[in-house]
Amino acid sequence: GRQLYQIPILHISEGFNHLPLVLSGALIVLFSVEHVLAMLHGKEVIPSWH
């Protein structure tokens, strides 16, 4: 069978080590899509931190 590697103290799969990378990649894609759509519509993206 398939052996699952777990983080001992947390009892979760080692696959969760990759979750931050996947989430940050998804956020980068969303950011890029927003800017591409704004460019296509001739609008400027207003930064939310201003």
N, C-alpha and C. Protein backbone atom coordinates (compact mmCIF):
# COMPACT_ATOMS: atom_id res chain seq x y z
N GLY A 1 0.80 -1.19 0.00
CA GLY A 1 0.00 0.00 0.00
C GLY A 1 0.85 1.26 0.00
N ARG A 2 0.15 2.33 0.07
CA ARG A 2 0.78 3.65 0.04
C ARG A 2 1.07 4.10 1.46
N GLN A 3 2.30 4.51 1.70
CA GLN A 3 2.67 4.96 3.03
C GLN A 3 2.51 6.48 3.12
N LEU A 4 1.80 6.93 4.15
CA LEU A 4 1.63 8.36 4.36
C LEU A 4 2.65 8.84 5.38
N TYR A 5 3.33 9.91 5.05
CA TYR A 5 4.29 10.49 5.98
C TYR A 5 3.59 11.60 6.74
N GLN A 6 3.67 11.52 8.06
CA GLN A 6 2.99 12.50 8.89
C GLN A 6 3.97 13.29 9.73
N ILE A 7 3.58 14.52 10.04
CA ILE A 7 4.33 15.34 10.99
C ILE A 7 3.93 14.81 12.37
N PRO A 8 4.88 14.30 13.14
CA PRO A 8 4.55 13.56 14.37
C PRO A 8 3.68 14.30 15.38
N ILE A 9 4.03 15.52 15.73
CA ILE A 9 3.29 16.22 16.79
C ILE A 9 1.90 16.64 16.33
N LEU A 10 1.79 17.07 15.07
CA LEU A 10 0.53 17.59 14.56
C LEU A 10 -0.39 16.51 14.00
N HIS A 11 0.16 15.35 13.66
CA HIS A 11 -0.61 14.24 13.06
C HIS A 11 -1.31 14.67 11.78
N ILE A 12 -0.59 15.43 10.96
CA ILE A 12 -1.10 15.80 9.64
C ILE A 12 -0.08 15.37 8.60
N SER A 13 -0.52 15.26 7.36
CA SER A 13 0.34 14.79 6.28
C SER A 13 1.47 15.78 6.00
N GLU A 14 2.60 15.25 5.57
CA GLU A 14 3.74 16.09 5.17
C GLU A 14 3.37 16.96 3.97
N GLY A 15 2.33 16.58 3.25
CA GLY A 15 1.90 17.38 2.10
C GLY A 15 1.50 18.79 2.48
N PHE A 16 1.12 19.00 3.73
CA PHE A 16 0.75 20.34 4.19
C PHE A 16 1.95 21.28 4.19
N ASN A 17 3.16 20.74 4.10
CA ASN A 17 4.35 21.59 4.00
C ASN A 17 4.32 22.43 2.72
N HIS A 18 3.62 21.94 1.70
CA HIS A 18 3.57 22.63 0.41
C HIS A 18 2.41 23.61 0.32
N LEU A 19 1.54 23.62 1.30
CA LEU A 19 0.35 24.48 1.25
C LEU A 19 0.69 25.97 1.13
N PRO A 20 1.65 26.51 1.89
CA PRO A 20 1.96 27.94 1.73
C PRO A 20 2.42 28.29 0.31
N LEU A 21 3.17 27.42 -0.32
CA LEU A 21 3.63 27.66 -1.69
C LEU A 21 2.44 27.69 -2.66
N VAL A 22 1.53 26.74 -2.50
CA VAL A 22 0.35 26.67 -3.37
C VAL A 22 -0.53 27.90 -3.18
N LEU A 23 -0.76 28.29 -1.93
CA LEU A 23 -1.61 29.45 -1.65
C LEU A 23 -0.99 30.74 -2.18
N SER A 24 0.30 30.90 -1.99
CA SER A 24 0.94 32.13 -2.48
C SER A 24 0.92 32.17 -4.01
N GLY A 25 1.09 31.03 -4.65
CA GLY A 25 1.00 30.98 -6.11
C GLY A 25 -0.38 31.36 -6.60
N ALA A 26 -1.41 30.88 -5.91
CA ALA A 26 -2.79 31.21 -6.29
C ALA A 26 -3.05 32.71 -6.13
N LEU A 27 -2.52 33.31 -5.07
CA LEU A 27 -2.70 34.75 -4.87
C LEU A 27 -1.98 35.56 -5.94
N ILE A 28 -0.82 35.11 -6.35
CA ILE A 28 -0.09 35.79 -7.42
C ILE A 28 -0.88 35.74 -8.72
N VAL A 29 -1.49 34.57 -9.01
CA VAL A 29 -2.31 34.43 -10.22
C VAL A 29 -3.50 35.38 -10.16
N LEU A 30 -4.18 35.46 -9.01
CA LEU A 30 -5.33 36.36 -8.87
C LEU A 30 -4.92 37.81 -9.07
N PHE A 31 -3.79 38.19 -8.49
CA PHE A 31 -3.27 39.55 -8.64
C PHE A 31 -3.01 39.85 -10.12
N SER A 32 -2.41 38.90 -10.82
CA SER A 32 -2.09 39.09 -12.24
C SER A 32 -3.35 39.19 -13.08
N VAL A 33 -4.34 38.35 -12.79
CA VAL A 33 -5.60 38.38 -13.54
C VAL A 33 -6.27 39.74 -13.37
N GLU A 34 -6.26 40.26 -12.15
CA GLU A 34 -6.86 41.58 -11.89
C GLU A 34 -6.20 42.65 -12.76
N HIS A 35 -4.88 42.62 -12.85
CA HIS A 35 -4.17 43.63 -13.62
C HIS A 35 -4.36 43.45 -15.13
N VAL A 36 -4.43 42.22 -15.59
CA VAL A 36 -4.67 41.97 -17.02
C VAL A 36 -6.07 42.45 -17.40
N LEU A 37 -7.07 42.15 -16.57
CA LEU A 37 -8.44 42.60 -16.86
C LEU A 37 -8.52 44.12 -16.86
N ALA A 38 -7.85 44.76 -15.93
CA ALA A 38 -7.85 46.22 -15.88
C ALA A 38 -7.20 46.80 -17.14
N MET A 39 -6.10 46.19 -17.59
CA MET A 39 -5.44 46.66 -18.81
C MET A 39 -6.36 46.52 -20.02
N LEU A 40 -7.07 45.40 -20.11
CA LEU A 40 -7.95 45.17 -21.25
C LEU A 40 -9.10 46.16 -21.28
N HIS A 41 -9.55 46.61 -20.12
CA HIS A 41 -10.66 47.55 -20.04
C HIS A 41 -10.18 49.00 -19.98
N GLY A 42 -8.87 49.20 -20.06
CA GLY A 42 -8.33 50.55 -20.05
C GLY A 42 -8.45 51.25 -18.72
N LYS A 43 -8.49 50.51 -17.65
CA LYS A 43 -8.63 51.09 -16.32
C LYS A 43 -7.33 50.92 -15.55
N GLU A 44 -7.21 51.70 -14.48
CA GLU A 44 -6.03 51.60 -13.62
C GLU A 44 -6.43 50.92 -12.32
N VAL A 45 -5.61 50.01 -11.87
CA VAL A 45 -5.86 49.33 -10.60
C VAL A 45 -5.41 50.25 -9.47
N ILE A 46 -6.34 50.54 -8.57
CA ILE A 46 -6.03 51.41 -7.44
C ILE A 46 -5.55 50.53 -6.29
N PRO A 47 -4.31 50.76 -5.81
CA PRO A 47 -3.80 49.94 -4.70
C PRO A 47 -4.66 50.09 -3.45
N SER A 48 -4.90 49.00 -2.78
CA SER A 48 -5.77 49.03 -1.60
C SER A 48 -5.05 49.56 -0.37
N TRP A 49 -3.72 49.70 -0.44
CA TRP A 49 -2.99 50.17 0.73
C TRP A 49 -2.85 51.69 0.75
N HIS A 50 -3.50 52.40 -0.18
CA HIS A 50 -3.46 53.87 -0.19
C HIS A 50 -4.74 54.42 0.34
